[in-house]
Amino acid sequence: MTVIYILAILFLALFIVIPLIEKSNLRMSDETTAKFSRWIWPLVMILIVVQLIMLVV
């Protein structure tokens, strides 16, 4: 029953948050996007290593 409550809250949040984001006109420049994309893969690799360490320990 708890899973149903969690899913209902998530769908409700999606129906509220997505229209708000679309109306906010938040646009990123190409330079900002490039800065973010430069950090994504190293952070993903660090996350995988940390998860593997937590799995072993």
N, C-alpha and C. Protein backbone atom coordinates (compact mmCIF):
# COMPACT_ATOMS: atom_id res chain seq x y z
N MET A 1 0.82 -1.20 0.00
CA MET A 1 0.00 0.00 0.00
C MET A 1 0.86 1.26 0.00
N THR A 2 2.00 1.18 0.68
CA THR A 2 2.91 2.32 0.74
C THR A 2 3.45 2.67 -0.65
N VAL A 3 3.70 1.63 -1.46
CA VAL A 3 4.21 1.87 -2.81
C VAL A 3 3.19 2.66 -3.63
N ILE A 4 1.93 2.38 -3.46
CA ILE A 4 0.89 3.11 -4.19
C ILE A 4 0.87 4.57 -3.78
N TYR A 5 1.03 4.83 -2.49
CA TYR A 5 1.09 6.22 -2.02
C TYR A 5 2.30 6.96 -2.60
N ILE A 6 3.44 6.28 -2.61
CA ILE A 6 4.66 6.91 -3.14
C ILE A 6 4.49 7.21 -4.62
N LEU A 7 3.96 6.25 -5.39
CA LEU A 7 3.75 6.48 -6.82
C LEU A 7 2.74 7.59 -7.07
N ALA A 8 1.70 7.65 -6.27
CA ALA A 8 0.70 8.72 -6.43
C ALA A 8 1.32 10.08 -6.17
N ILE A 9 2.14 10.19 -5.14
CA ILE A 9 2.80 11.46 -4.84
C ILE A 9 3.76 11.84 -5.95
N LEU A 10 4.50 10.87 -6.50
CA LEU A 10 5.43 11.17 -7.59
C LEU A 10 4.70 11.66 -8.84
N PHE A 11 3.61 10.99 -9.20
CA PHE A 11 2.85 11.43 -10.38
C PHE A 11 2.22 12.80 -10.15
N LEU A 12 1.73 13.04 -8.96
CA LEU A 12 1.17 14.35 -8.65
C LEU A 12 2.24 15.44 -8.75
N ALA A 13 3.44 15.14 -8.24
CA ALA A 13 4.54 16.10 -8.34
C ALA A 13 4.90 16.35 -9.80
N LEU A 14 4.89 15.31 -10.63
CA LEU A 14 5.19 15.50 -12.04
C LEU A 14 4.17 16.40 -12.72
N PHE A 15 2.90 16.20 -12.42
CA PHE A 15 1.86 17.02 -13.04
C PHE A 15 1.92 18.47 -12.57
N ILE A 16 2.52 18.72 -11.42
CA ILE A 16 2.64 20.09 -10.92
C ILE A 16 3.95 20.72 -11.38
N VAL A 17 5.05 19.97 -11.31
CA VAL A 17 6.38 20.55 -11.58
C VAL A 17 6.62 20.77 -13.07
N ILE A 18 6.22 19.86 -13.91
CA ILE A 18 6.50 20.00 -15.35
C ILE A 18 5.88 21.25 -15.95
N PRO A 19 4.61 21.57 -15.70
CA PRO A 19 4.08 22.84 -16.24
C PRO A 19 4.80 24.07 -15.67
N LEU A 20 5.20 24.01 -14.42
CA LEU A 20 5.93 25.15 -13.85
C LEU A 20 7.27 25.35 -14.52
N ILE A 21 7.96 24.27 -14.82
CA ILE A 21 9.25 24.38 -15.50
C ILE A 21 9.07 24.90 -16.92
N GLU A 22 8.05 24.44 -17.61
CA GLU A 22 7.81 24.91 -18.98
C GLU A 22 7.47 26.39 -19.02
N LYS A 23 6.79 26.89 -18.01
CA LYS A 23 6.42 28.31 -17.99
C LYS A 23 7.55 29.22 -17.53
N SER A 24 8.60 28.66 -16.91
CA SER A 24 9.63 29.50 -16.31
C SER A 24 10.62 30.08 -17.32
N ASN A 25 10.63 29.59 -18.56
CA ASN A 25 11.55 30.06 -19.60
C ASN A 25 13.01 29.96 -19.17
N LEU A 26 13.34 28.88 -18.50
CA LEU A 26 14.72 28.64 -18.08
C LEU A 26 15.51 28.10 -19.27
N ARG A 27 16.42 28.89 -19.76
CA ARG A 27 17.24 28.49 -20.90
C ARG A 27 18.71 28.54 -20.50
N MET A 28 19.47 27.55 -20.97
CA MET A 28 20.90 27.52 -20.70
C MET A 28 21.66 27.82 -21.99
N SER A 29 22.75 28.53 -21.83
CA SER A 29 23.58 28.81 -23.00
C SER A 29 24.41 27.56 -23.32
N ASP A 30 25.01 27.58 -24.49
CA ASP A 30 25.85 26.44 -24.90
C ASP A 30 27.06 26.30 -23.99
N GLU A 31 27.59 27.41 -23.52
CA GLU A 31 28.76 27.34 -22.62
C GLU A 31 28.40 26.70 -21.29
N THR A 32 27.25 27.05 -20.75
CA THR A 32 26.81 26.47 -19.48
C THR A 32 26.55 24.98 -19.63
N THR A 33 25.93 24.60 -20.74
CA THR A 33 25.67 23.19 -20.99
C THR A 33 26.98 22.42 -21.13
N ALA A 34 27.96 23.01 -21.79
CA ALA A 34 29.26 22.35 -21.94
C ALA A 34 29.95 22.18 -20.59
N LYS A 35 29.82 23.18 -19.71
CA LYS A 35 30.42 23.06 -18.38
C LYS A 35 29.79 21.91 -17.59
N PHE A 36 28.46 21.80 -17.68
CA PHE A 36 27.79 20.71 -16.96
C PHE A 36 28.15 19.35 -17.55
N SER A 37 28.19 19.26 -18.87
CA SER A 37 28.45 17.97 -19.49
C SER A 37 29.88 17.50 -19.23
N ARG A 38 30.78 18.42 -18.99
CA ARG A 38 32.16 18.05 -18.69
C ARG A 38 32.26 17.31 -17.35
N TRP A 39 31.34 17.59 -16.43
CA TRP A 39 31.39 16.99 -15.10
C TRP A 39 30.55 15.74 -14.94
N ILE A 40 29.69 15.45 -15.89
CA ILE A 40 28.74 14.34 -15.71
C ILE A 40 29.45 13.00 -15.65
N TRP A 41 30.29 12.66 -16.61
CA TRP A 41 30.92 11.34 -16.63
C TRP A 41 31.85 11.10 -15.45
N PRO A 42 32.71 12.04 -15.06
CA PRO A 42 33.52 11.78 -13.86
C PRO A 42 32.66 11.54 -12.61
N LEU A 43 31.57 12.30 -12.46
CA LEU A 43 30.71 12.10 -11.30
C LEU A 43 30.00 10.74 -11.35
N VAL A 44 29.60 10.32 -12.53
CA VAL A 44 28.97 9.00 -12.67
C VAL A 44 29.97 7.91 -12.31
N MET A 45 31.21 8.03 -12.75
CA MET A 45 32.23 7.03 -12.43
C MET A 45 32.51 6.99 -10.93
N ILE A 46 32.59 8.14 -10.30
CA ILE A 46 32.79 8.19 -8.85
C ILE A 46 31.62 7.53 -8.13
N LEU A 47 30.41 7.81 -8.59
CA LEU A 47 29.23 7.19 -7.98
C LEU A 47 29.27 5.67 -8.11
N ILE A 48 29.67 5.16 -9.27
CA ILE A 48 29.74 3.71 -9.46
C ILE A 48 30.78 3.09 -8.54
N VAL A 49 31.94 3.73 -8.41
CA VAL A 49 32.99 3.20 -7.54
C VAL A 49 32.52 3.20 -6.09
N VAL A 50 31.87 4.27 -5.66
CA VAL A 50 31.38 4.34 -4.28
C VAL A 50 30.33 3.26 -4.02
N GLN A 51 29.45 3.06 -4.98
CA GLN A 51 28.43 2.02 -4.82
C GLN A 51 29.05 0.63 -4.77
N LEU A 52 30.07 0.38 -5.57
CA LEU A 52 30.75 -0.91 -5.52
C LEU A 52 31.45 -1.12 -4.18
N ILE A 53 32.06 -0.07 -3.66
CA ILE A 53 32.71 -0.18 -2.35
C ILE A 53 31.67 -0.45 -1.26
N MET A 54 30.54 0.23 -1.32
CA MET A 54 29.49 0.01 -0.32
C MET A 54 28.90 -1.41 -0.45
N LEU A 55 28.87 -1.96 -1.65
CA LEU A 55 28.35 -3.30 -1.84
C LEU A 55 29.28 -4.34 -1.23
N VAL A 56 30.56 -4.11 -1.36
CA VAL A 56 31.56 -5.06 -0.85
C VAL A 56 31.65 -4.98 0.67
N VAL A 57 31.57 -3.79 1.20
CA VAL A 57 31.72 -3.62 2.66
C VAL A 57 30.46 -3.91 3.36
